[in-house]
Amino acid sequence: MIGAMIEVTAIAGLVTVQDAGRPGWMHQGVAPGGALAPASLERANRAAGNAPDAAGLEVVGRVAVRAIGDVVVADDGGDRHALRDGETFALACGEARVRYFAVHGGIDVPAVLGSRSTLLVAALGGHHGRALRRGDRLPVGAATRVAPVAGDSPPPVGATETVRVVPGPDLDRFAGGALDVLLRSTYSVSPRSDRVGVRLAGPPLPRADDDSGVSAPMIRGAIQVPAGGEPIVLGPDHPTTGGYPVLATVVLADVGVVMARPVGAPLRFVRSASGARGK
């Protein structure tokens, strides 16, 4: 017997299946992936009555779905809806960069390397390793016993956000004062941003070398600086190694803030008082 499903009836932009990602595979060249803004996906899952790491839909644009069977859906604003067979639900980003949609039981696509998240750069996971299209049907997992919890509303997208960073590790590959430029300047999110990294427009960061450094392991939140001087904050689909020097690294708790900022939104960096990336 075929269980409940959701069918994509309309789509604009980039919509993918995402969960908490697949850490532990970078030594094999596989990026951790997962949600751009994990806290927002967790809010949607809590409202839907799922575990925080259940797979949902990451929406950069707009999506509409139709229920095949009776399902319960929720978004990252905490809104929860019971859909009867044939009823529809739509979610649009509006001025936000990314929104999340969850269904009670989770999106039950096959797990690959321990995760259902879509890694587009490797055509891995999610729904056939690709972005969703109109007509796609996604199975819904078995109902769980997790009680729904009202989610917090997403923060205002127009508000200026400050993001904490830990300096380094490649300070010796920059000209003197580069870190001060990063910390005193206001940057904006470039339309060239994607899941690999958020590109920032603003004052260039002066380099002291010509990309002659040896490739090193990379992590989510690392602020790479190409020869042109404009920083890139690495996202969940980042390459596992890279040769561009890293001036600073965003603390783990603030990476989602960067990833969720809409195109053109301002962004400022401050030195982390704790001095540790994960604090």
C-alpha atoms as a PDB file:
ATOM      1  CA  MET A   1       0.000   0.000   0.000  1.00  0.00           C
ATOM      2  CA  ILE A   2       1.339   3.402  -1.026  1.00  0.00           C
ATOM      3  CA  GLY A   3       1.503   5.879   1.844  1.00  0.00           C
ATOM      4  CA  ALA A   4       0.887   9.611   1.853  1.00  0.00           C
ATOM      5  CA  MET A   5       2.872  11.824  -0.500  1.00  0.00           C
ATOM      6  CA  ILE A   6       3.176  15.443  -1.536  1.00  0.00           C
ATOM      7  CA  GLU A   7       3.275  16.470  -5.182  1.00  0.00           C
ATOM      8  CA  VAL A   8       4.978  19.637  -6.404  1.00  0.00           C
ATOM      9  CA  THR A   9       2.383  21.570  -8.409  1.00  0.00           C
ATOM     10  CA  ALA A  10       4.233  24.857  -8.931  1.00  0.00           C
ATOM     11  CA  ILE A  11       7.794  25.981  -8.378  1.00  0.00           C
ATOM     12  CA  ALA A  12       9.989  29.035  -8.887  1.00  0.00           C
ATOM     13  CA  GLY A  13      13.643  29.339  -7.944  1.00  0.00           C
ATOM     14  CA  LEU A  14      15.570  26.587  -6.172  1.00  0.00           C
ATOM     15  CA  VAL A  15      13.725  24.073  -3.995  1.00  0.00           C
ATOM     16  CA  THR A  16      15.530  21.034  -2.555  1.00  0.00           C
ATOM     17  CA  VAL A  17      15.096  18.353   0.075  1.00  0.00           C
ATOM     18  CA  GLN A  18      17.341  19.150   3.058  1.00  0.00           C
ATOM     19  CA  ASP A  19      17.957  17.882   6.571  1.00  0.00           C
ATOM     20  CA  ALA A  20      20.774  18.325   9.093  1.00  0.00           C
ATOM     21  CA  GLY A  21      23.372  17.140   6.565  1.00  0.00           C
ATOM     22  CA  ARG A  22      25.922  14.322   6.426  1.00  0.00           C
ATOM     23  CA  PRO A  23      28.942  15.187   8.609  1.00  0.00           C
ATOM     24  CA  GLY A  24      31.844  12.773   8.787  1.00  0.00           C
ATOM     25  CA  TRP A  25      32.517  12.270   5.071  1.00  0.00           C
ATOM     26  CA  MET A  26      34.808  15.164   4.207  1.00  0.00           C
ATOM     27  CA  HIS A  27      37.818  12.820   4.214  1.00  0.00           C
ATOM     28  CA  GLN A  28      36.130  11.201   1.196  1.00  0.00           C
ATOM     29  CA  GLY A  29      35.595  14.564  -0.524  1.00  0.00           C
ATOM     30  CA  VAL A  30      31.887  14.809   0.401  1.00  0.00           C
ATOM     31  CA  ALA A  31      30.716  18.147   1.806  1.00  0.00           C
ATOM     32  CA  PRO A  32      28.401  17.991   4.845  1.00  0.00           C
ATOM     33  CA  GLY A  33      25.570  19.807   3.061  1.00  0.00           C
ATOM     34  CA  GLY A  34      22.275  20.201   4.900  1.00  0.00           C
ATOM     35  CA  ALA A  35      20.061  23.229   5.452  1.00  0.00           C
ATOM     36  CA  LEU A  36      21.357  26.724   4.718  1.00  0.00           C
ATOM     37  CA  ALA A  37      19.689  27.949   7.925  1.00  0.00           C
ATOM     38  CA  PRO A  38      19.450  24.926  10.274  1.00  0.00           C
ATOM     39  CA  ALA A  39      17.558  26.786  13.012  1.00  0.00           C
ATOM     40  CA  SER A  40      14.766  27.678  10.563  1.00  0.00           C
ATOM     41  CA  LEU A  41      14.409  24.073   9.401  1.00  0.00           C
ATOM     42  CA  GLU A  42      14.262  23.012  13.056  1.00  0.00           C
ATOM     43  CA  ARG A  43      11.433  25.511  13.701  1.00  0.00           C
ATOM     44  CA  ALA A  44       9.430  24.045  10.825  1.00  0.00           C
ATOM     45  CA  ASN A  45      10.071  20.510  12.046  1.00  0.00           C
ATOM     46  CA  ARG A  46       9.073  21.360  15.618  1.00  0.00           C
ATOM     47  CA  ALA A  47       5.814  22.878  14.393  1.00  0.00           C
ATOM     48  CA  ALA A  48       5.139  19.777  12.281  1.00  0.00           C
ATOM     49  CA  GLY A  49       5.776  17.457  15.213  1.00  0.00           C
ATOM     50  CA  ASN A  50       9.025  16.043  13.793  1.00  0.00           C
ATOM     51  CA  ALA A  51      12.461  15.461  15.218  1.00  0.00           C
ATOM     52  CA  PRO A  52      14.649  18.566  14.580  1.00  0.00           C
ATOM     53  CA  ASP A  53      16.767  16.805  11.940  1.00  0.00           C
ATOM     54  CA  ALA A  54      13.907  15.447   9.809  1.00  0.00           C
ATOM     55  CA  ALA A  55      14.055  16.137   6.081  1.00  0.00           C
ATOM     56  CA  GLY A  56      11.963  19.011   4.767  1.00  0.00           C
ATOM     57  CA  LEU A  57      11.917  21.374   1.799  1.00  0.00           C
ATOM     58  CA  GLU A  58      14.332  24.282   1.530  1.00  0.00           C
ATOM     59  CA  VAL A  59      12.712  27.009  -0.560  1.00  0.00           C
ATOM     60  CA  VAL A  60      14.721  29.738  -2.278  1.00  0.00           C
ATOM     61  CA  GLY A  61      11.854  31.211  -4.255  1.00  0.00           C
ATOM     62  CA  ARG A  62       8.383  29.665  -4.127  1.00  0.00           C
ATOM     63  CA  VAL A  63       6.777  26.222  -4.038  1.00  0.00           C
ATOM     64  CA  ALA A  64       3.225  24.844  -4.006  1.00  0.00           C
ATOM     65  CA  VAL A  65       2.389  21.246  -3.166  1.00  0.00           C
ATOM     66  CA  ARG A  66      -0.694  19.024  -3.253  1.00  0.00           C
ATOM     67  CA  ALA A  67      -1.418  16.398  -0.633  1.00  0.00           C
ATOM     68  CA  ILE A  68      -1.827  12.818  -1.814  1.00  0.00           C
ATOM     69  CA  GLY A  69      -3.533  11.353   1.206  1.00  0.00           C
ATOM     70  CA  ASP A  70      -4.020  13.280   4.444  1.00  0.00           C
ATOM     71  CA  VAL A  71      -0.889  15.088   5.697  1.00  0.00           C
ATOM     72  CA  VAL A  72       0.064  17.736   8.256  1.00  0.00           C
ATOM     73  CA  VAL A  73       2.444  20.472   7.100  1.00  0.00           C
ATOM     74  CA  ALA A  74       4.171  23.420   8.785  1.00  0.00           C
ATOM     75  CA  ASP A  75       6.527  26.250   7.882  1.00  0.00           C
ATOM     76  CA  ASP A  76       9.417  27.952   9.659  1.00  0.00           C
ATOM     77  CA  GLY A  77       7.104  30.617  11.031  1.00  0.00           C
ATOM     78  CA  GLY A  78       5.340  27.975  13.112  1.00  0.00           C
ATOM     79  CA  ASP A  79       2.142  27.852  11.001  1.00  0.00           C
ATOM     80  CA  ARG A  80       0.681  24.337  10.939  1.00  0.00           C
ATOM     81  CA  HIS A  81      -2.000  23.025   8.564  1.00  0.00           C
ATOM     82  CA  ALA A  82      -3.843  19.714   8.222  1.00  0.00           C
ATOM     83  CA  LEU A  83      -4.328  18.979   4.522  1.00  0.00           C
ATOM     84  CA  ARG A  84      -6.918  16.562   3.251  1.00  0.00           C
ATOM     85  CA  ASP A  85      -6.240  14.500   0.151  1.00  0.00           C
ATOM     86  CA  GLY A  86      -6.058  16.870  -2.828  1.00  0.00           C
ATOM     87  CA  GLU A  87      -5.662  20.088  -0.819  1.00  0.00           C
ATOM     88  CA  THR A  88      -2.722  22.401  -1.531  1.00  0.00           C
ATOM     89  CA  PHE A  89      -0.198  24.446   0.424  1.00  0.00           C
ATOM     90  CA  ALA A  90       2.169  27.142  -0.857  1.00  0.00           C
ATOM     91  CA  LEU A  91       5.229  28.817   0.630  1.00  0.00           C
ATOM     92  CA  ALA A  92       7.098  31.812  -0.813  1.00  0.00           C
ATOM     93  CA  CYS A  93      10.250  33.558   0.391  1.00  0.00           C
ATOM     94  CA  GLY A  94       9.022  37.091  -0.168  1.00  0.00           C
ATOM     95  CA  GLU A  95      11.883  39.313   0.960  1.00  0.00           C
ATOM     96  CA  ALA A  96      13.684  36.464   2.727  1.00  0.00           C
ATOM     97  CA  ARG A  97      16.423  34.464   1.026  1.00  0.00           C
ATOM     98  CA  VAL A  98      15.275  31.068   2.248  1.00  0.00           C
ATOM     99  CA  ARG A  99      12.227  29.483   3.907  1.00  0.00           C
ATOM    100  CA  TYR A 100      11.464  25.953   5.117  1.00  0.00           C
ATOM    101  CA  PHE A 101       8.508  23.630   4.786  1.00  0.00           C
ATOM    102  CA  ALA A 102       8.049  20.452   6.818  1.00  0.00           C
ATOM    103  CA  VAL A 103       5.530  17.626   6.706  1.00  0.00           C
ATOM    104  CA  HIS A 104       4.676  15.443   9.701  1.00  0.00           C
ATOM    105  CA  GLY A 105       6.719  12.256   9.315  1.00  0.00           C
ATOM    106  CA  GLY A 106       9.398  13.987   7.246  1.00  0.00           C
ATOM    107  CA  ILE A 107      10.202  13.725   3.553  1.00  0.00           C
ATOM    108  CA  ASP A 108      11.026  10.038   3.190  1.00  0.00           C
ATOM    109  CA  VAL A 109      13.479   9.986   0.292  1.00  0.00           C
ATOM    110  CA  PRO A 110      16.297   7.395   0.557  1.00  0.00           C
ATOM    111  CA  ALA A 111      19.142   8.221   2.941  1.00  0.00           C
ATOM    112  CA  VAL A 112      22.545   8.436   1.252  1.00  0.00           C
ATOM    113  CA  LEU A 113      25.613   8.309   3.515  1.00  0.00           C
ATOM    114  CA  GLY A 114      23.296   8.788   6.476  1.00  0.00           C
ATOM    115  CA  SER A 115      21.395  11.834   5.195  1.00  0.00           C
ATOM    116  CA  ARG A 116      18.441  12.712   2.969  1.00  0.00           C
ATOM    117  CA  SER A 117      19.844  16.161   2.129  1.00  0.00           C
ATOM    118  CA  THR A 118      20.458  17.150  -1.489  1.00  0.00           C
ATOM    119  CA  LEU A 119      24.102  17.836  -2.366  1.00  0.00           C
ATOM    120  CA  LEU A 120      23.677  19.498  -5.748  1.00  0.00           C
ATOM    121  CA  VAL A 121      27.381  19.756  -6.554  1.00  0.00           C
ATOM    122  CA  ALA A 122      27.630  15.949  -6.379  1.00  0.00           C
ATOM    123  CA  ALA A 123      24.098  15.048  -7.589  1.00  0.00           C
ATOM    124  CA  LEU A 124      23.752  13.154  -4.321  1.00  0.00           C
ATOM    125  CA  GLY A 125      20.821  12.539  -1.965  1.00  0.00           C
ATOM    126  CA  GLY A 126      17.446  14.265  -1.898  1.00  0.00           C
ATOM    127  CA  HIS A 127      15.146  13.539  -4.842  1.00  0.00           C
ATOM    128  CA  HIS A 128      17.416  11.903  -7.426  1.00  0.00           C
ATOM    129  CA  GLY A 129      20.239  14.253  -6.409  1.00  0.00           C
ATOM    130  CA  ARG A 130      18.650  17.302  -8.008  1.00  0.00           C
ATOM    131  CA  ALA A 131      16.489  20.342  -7.398  1.00  0.00           C
ATOM    132  CA  LEU A 132      12.755  19.689  -7.391  1.00  0.00           C
ATOM    133  CA  ARG A 133      10.571  20.167 -10.461  1.00  0.00           C
ATOM    134  CA  ARG A 134       6.865  20.489 -11.090  1.00  0.00           C
ATOM    135  CA  GLY A 135       5.274  17.040 -10.979  1.00  0.00           C
ATOM    136  CA  ASP A 136       7.741  15.496  -8.542  1.00  0.00           C
ATOM    137  CA  ARG A 137       6.141  13.287  -5.903  1.00  0.00           C
ATOM    138  CA  LEU A 138       7.799  12.909  -2.515  1.00  0.00           C
ATOM    139  CA  PRO A 139       6.900  10.159  -0.036  1.00  0.00           C
ATOM    140  CA  VAL A 140       6.009  11.132   3.531  1.00  0.00           C
ATOM    141  CA  GLY A 141       7.456   9.117   6.408  1.00  0.00           C
ATOM    142  CA  ALA A 142       5.470   7.305   9.045  1.00  0.00           C
ATOM    143  CA  ALA A 143       3.869   9.513  11.705  1.00  0.00           C
ATOM    144  CA  THR A 144       5.960   9.983  14.825  1.00  0.00           C
ATOM    145  CA  ARG A 145       5.019  10.579  18.450  1.00  0.00           C
ATOM    146  CA  VAL A 146       6.895  13.882  18.743  1.00  0.00           C
ATOM    147  CA  ALA A 147       4.506  16.545  20.044  1.00  0.00           C
ATOM    148  CA  PRO A 148       4.296  19.724  17.920  1.00  0.00           C
ATOM    149  CA  VAL A 149       5.903  22.802  19.434  1.00  0.00           C
ATOM    150  CA  ALA A 150       5.059  26.324  18.314  1.00  0.00           C
ATOM    151  CA  GLY A 151       8.012  27.815  16.458  1.00  0.00           C
ATOM    152  CA  ASP A 152       9.390  31.318  16.783  1.00  0.00           C
ATOM    153  CA  SER A 153       8.743  33.738  13.967  1.00  0.00           C
ATOM    154  CA  PRO A 154      11.733  34.257  11.657  1.00  0.00           C
ATOM    155  CA  PRO A 155      13.726  37.414  12.447  1.00  0.00           C
ATOM    156  CA  PRO A 156      12.974  40.509  10.345  1.00  0.00           C
ATOM    157  CA  VAL A 157      14.904  40.163   7.111  1.00  0.00           C
ATOM    158  CA  GLY A 158      15.529  43.903   6.861  1.00  0.00           C
ATOM    159  CA  ALA A 159      17.309  44.190  10.187  1.00  0.00           C
ATOM    160  CA  THR A 160      21.071  44.673  10.163  1.00  0.00           C
ATOM    161  CA  GLU A 161      22.783  41.565  11.497  1.00  0.00           C
ATOM    162  CA  THR A 162      26.189  41.332  13.146  1.00  0.00           C
ATOM    163  CA  VAL A 163      28.080  38.090  12.794  1.00  0.00           C
ATOM    164  CA  ARG A 164      30.774  36.832  15.163  1.00  0.00           C
ATOM    165  CA  VAL A 165      34.090  35.632  13.751  1.00  0.00           C
ATOM    166  CA  VAL A 166      37.308  34.078  15.008  1.00  0.00           C
ATOM    167  CA  PRO A 167      40.415  35.515  13.263  1.00  0.00           C
ATOM    168  CA  GLY A 168      42.614  33.252  11.132  1.00  0.00           C
ATOM    169  CA  PRO A 169      44.008  30.803  10.392  1.00  0.00           C
ATOM    170  CA  ASP A 170      45.780  32.471   7.434  1.00  0.00           C
ATOM    171  CA  LEU A 171      46.454  35.964   8.789  1.00  0.00           C
ATOM    172  CA  ASP A 172      50.058  35.796   7.502  1.00  0.00           C
ATOM    173  CA  ARG A 173      48.762  35.635   3.920  1.00  0.00           C
ATOM    174  CA  PHE A 174      47.087  39.051   4.190  1.00  0.00           C
ATOM    175  CA  ALA A 175      48.454  42.563   4.190  1.00  0.00           C
ATOM    176  CA  GLY A 176      48.548  44.408   7.500  1.00  0.00           C
ATOM    177  CA  GLY A 177      45.168  45.809   8.490  1.00  0.00           C
ATOM    178  CA  ALA A 178      43.076  43.302   6.480  1.00  0.00           C
ATOM    179  CA  LEU A 179      41.308  42.043   9.591  1.00  0.00           C
ATOM    180  CA  ASP A 180      40.531  45.625  10.653  1.00  0.00           C
ATOM    181  CA  VAL A 181      38.968  46.258   7.226  1.00  0.00           C
ATOM    182  CA  LEU A 182      36.738  43.199   7.651  1.00  0.00           C
ATOM    183  CA  LEU A 183      35.624  44.234  11.139  1.00  0.00           C
ATOM    184  CA  ARG A 184      34.934  47.916  10.485  1.00  0.00           C
ATOM    185  CA  SER A 185      33.197  47.595   7.094  1.00  0.00           C
ATOM    186  CA  THR A 186      29.635  46.902   6.035  1.00  0.00           C
ATOM    187  CA  TYR A 187      29.246  44.250   3.352  1.00  0.00           C
ATOM    188  CA  SER A 188      26.194  43.212   1.355  1.00  0.00           C
ATOM    189  CA  VAL A 189      25.103  39.833   0.044  1.00  0.00           C
ATOM    190  CA  SER A 190      25.900  39.417  -3.652  1.00  0.00           C
ATOM    191  CA  PRO A 191      23.401  37.867  -6.103  1.00  0.00           C
ATOM    192  CA  ARG A 192      26.231  35.480  -7.080  1.00  0.00           C
ATOM    193  CA  SER A 193      25.772  33.658  -3.771  1.00  0.00           C
ATOM    194  CA  ASP A 194      24.674  30.020  -3.696  1.00  0.00           C
ATOM    195  CA  ARG A 195      24.791  26.955  -1.435  1.00  0.00           C
ATOM    196  CA  VAL A 196      28.554  26.676  -1.905  1.00  0.00           C
ATOM    197  CA  GLY A 197      29.142  30.115  -0.426  1.00  0.00           C
ATOM    198  CA  VAL A 198      27.763  33.580   0.225  1.00  0.00           C
ATOM    199  CA  ARG A 199      29.715  36.146  -1.768  1.00  0.00           C
ATOM    200  CA  LEU A 200      29.937  39.589  -0.207  1.00  0.00           C
ATOM    201  CA  ALA A 201      30.238  42.967  -1.902  1.00  0.00           C
ATOM    202  CA  GLY A 202      32.184  45.673  -0.096  1.00  0.00           C
ATOM    203  CA  PRO A 203      35.687  46.935   0.632  1.00  0.00           C
ATOM    204  CA  PRO A 204      38.305  44.486  -0.736  1.00  0.00           C
ATOM    205  CA  LEU A 205      40.523  42.734   1.794  1.00  0.00           C
ATOM    206  CA  PRO A 206      44.218  43.273   0.960  1.00  0.00           C
ATOM    207  CA  ARG A 207      46.127  40.084   0.243  1.00  0.00           C
ATOM    208  CA  ALA A 208      49.856  39.508   0.666  1.00  0.00           C
ATOM    209  CA  ASP A 209      50.335  36.511  -1.651  1.00  0.00           C
ATOM    210  CA  ASP A 210      49.370  35.314  -5.139  1.00  0.00           C
ATOM    211  CA  ASP A 211      47.417  32.138  -4.388  1.00  0.00           C
ATOM    212  CA  SER A 212      50.612  30.153  -4.040  1.00  0.00           C
ATOM    213  CA  GLY A 213      49.487  28.547  -0.780  1.00  0.00           C
ATOM    214  CA  VAL A 214      48.915  24.811  -0.419  1.00  0.00           C
ATOM    215  CA  SER A 215      45.289  23.629  -0.471  1.00  0.00           C
ATOM    216  CA  ALA A 216      43.962  23.075   3.042  1.00  0.00           C
ATOM    217  CA  PRO A 217      40.802  21.548   4.546  1.00  0.00           C
ATOM    218  CA  MET A 218      37.811  23.897   4.540  1.00  0.00           C
ATOM    219  CA  ILE A 219      34.827  24.164   6.869  1.00  0.00           C
ATOM    220  CA  ARG A 220      31.417  25.804   6.773  1.00  0.00           C
ATOM    221  CA  GLY A 221      31.729  29.448   7.825  1.00  0.00           C
ATOM    222  CA  ALA A 222      35.330  29.919   6.655  1.00  0.00           C
ATOM    223  CA  ILE A 223      35.788  33.364   5.052  1.00  0.00           C
ATOM    224  CA  GLN A 224      37.868  32.735   1.939  1.00  0.00           C
ATOM    225  CA  VAL A 225      39.342  35.681   0.083  1.00  0.00           C
ATOM    226  CA  PRO A 226      40.167  35.336  -3.646  1.00  0.00           C
ATOM    227  CA  ALA A 227      42.756  37.553  -5.324  1.00  0.00           C
ATOM    228  CA  GLY A 228      40.150  40.268  -5.988  1.00  0.00           C
ATOM    229  CA  GLY A 229      39.698  40.763  -2.238  1.00  0.00           C
ATOM    230  CA  GLU A 230      35.927  40.253  -1.896  1.00  0.00           C
ATOM    231  CA  PRO A 231      35.146  37.662   0.816  1.00  0.00           C
ATOM    232  CA  ILE A 232      33.207  34.422   0.391  1.00  0.00           C
ATOM    233  CA  VAL A 233      31.598  32.807   3.453  1.00  0.00           C
ATOM    234  CA  LEU A 234      31.542  29.083   2.752  1.00  0.00           C
ATOM    235  CA  GLY A 235      28.137  27.400   2.932  1.00  0.00           C
ATOM    236  CA  PRO A 236      26.990  23.816   3.488  1.00  0.00           C
ATOM    237  CA  ASP A 237      27.990  22.613  -0.002  1.00  0.00           C
ATOM    238  CA  HIS A 238      31.526  24.010   0.257  1.00  0.00           C
ATOM    239  CA  PRO A 239      34.518  22.223  -1.276  1.00  0.00           C
ATOM    240  CA  THR A 240      36.325  20.057   1.250  1.00  0.00           C
ATOM    241  CA  THR A 241      39.680  21.703   0.436  1.00  0.00           C
ATOM    242  CA  GLY A 242      40.677  25.079  -0.957  1.00  0.00           C
ATOM    243  CA  GLY A 243      43.644  27.261  -1.761  1.00  0.00           C
ATOM    244  CA  TYR A 244      42.251  30.730  -1.115  1.00  0.00           C
ATOM    245  CA  PRO A 245      43.447  32.044   2.253  1.00  0.00           C
ATOM    246  CA  VAL A 246      40.986  32.259   5.146  1.00  0.00           C
ATOM    247  CA  LEU A 247      41.059  35.579   7.015  1.00  0.00           C
ATOM    248  CA  ALA A 248      38.517  34.573   9.665  1.00  0.00           C
ATOM    249  CA  THR A 249      35.854  31.971  10.413  1.00  0.00           C
ATOM    250  CA  VAL A 250      32.248  32.617  11.394  1.00  0.00           C
ATOM    251  CA  VAL A 251      31.307  30.992  14.709  1.00  0.00           C
ATOM    252  CA  LEU A 252      29.074  27.983  14.194  1.00  0.00           C
ATOM    253  CA  ALA A 253      26.028  29.544  15.865  1.00  0.00           C
ATOM    254  CA  ASP A 254      26.087  32.480  13.413  1.00  0.00           C
ATOM    255  CA  VAL A 255      26.669  30.662  10.114  1.00  0.00           C
ATOM    256  CA  GLY A 256      22.919  30.310   9.514  1.00  0.00           C
ATOM    257  CA  VAL A 257      22.501  34.082   9.911  1.00  0.00           C
ATOM    258  CA  VAL A 258      24.871  34.650   7.000  1.00  0.00           C
ATOM    259  CA  MET A 259      23.313  31.952   4.831  1.00  0.00           C
ATOM    260  CA  ALA A 260      19.769  33.293   5.367  1.00  0.00           C
ATOM    261  CA  ARG A 261      20.497  36.932   4.549  1.00  0.00           C
ATOM    262  CA  PRO A 262      18.732  38.041   1.343  1.00  0.00           C
ATOM    263  CA  VAL A 263      20.546  39.505  -1.642  1.00  0.00           C
ATOM    264  CA  GLY A 264      21.562  43.101  -0.990  1.00  0.00           C
ATOM    265  CA  ALA A 265      21.138  42.847   2.785  1.00  0.00           C
ATOM    266  CA  PRO A 266      23.863  44.439   4.944  1.00  0.00           C
ATOM    267  CA  LEU A 267      26.232  42.333   7.011  1.00  0.00           C
ATOM    268  CA  ARG A 268      28.815  43.337   9.610  1.00  0.00           C
ATOM    269  CA  PHE A 269      31.417  41.205  11.370  1.00  0.00           C
ATOM    270  CA  VAL A 270      32.579  41.419  14.981  1.00  0.00           C
ATOM    271  CA  ARG A 271      35.311  39.534  16.787  1.00  0.00           C
ATOM    272  CA  SER A 272      33.929  36.691  18.910  1.00  0.00           C
ATOM    273  CA  ALA A 273      34.408  37.332  22.619  1.00  0.00           C
ATOM    274  CA  SER A 274      34.783  33.603  23.289  1.00  0.00           C
ATOM    275  CA  GLY A 275      37.565  33.147  20.743  1.00  0.00           C
ATOM    276  CA  ALA A 276      36.229  29.726  19.753  1.00  0.00           C
ATOM    277  CA  ARG A 277      34.398  28.867  16.548  1.00  0.00           C
ATOM    278  CA  GLY A 278      31.832  26.608  18.135  1.00  0.00           C
ATOM    279  CA  LYS A 279      30.952  28.770  21.165  1.00  0.00           C
END
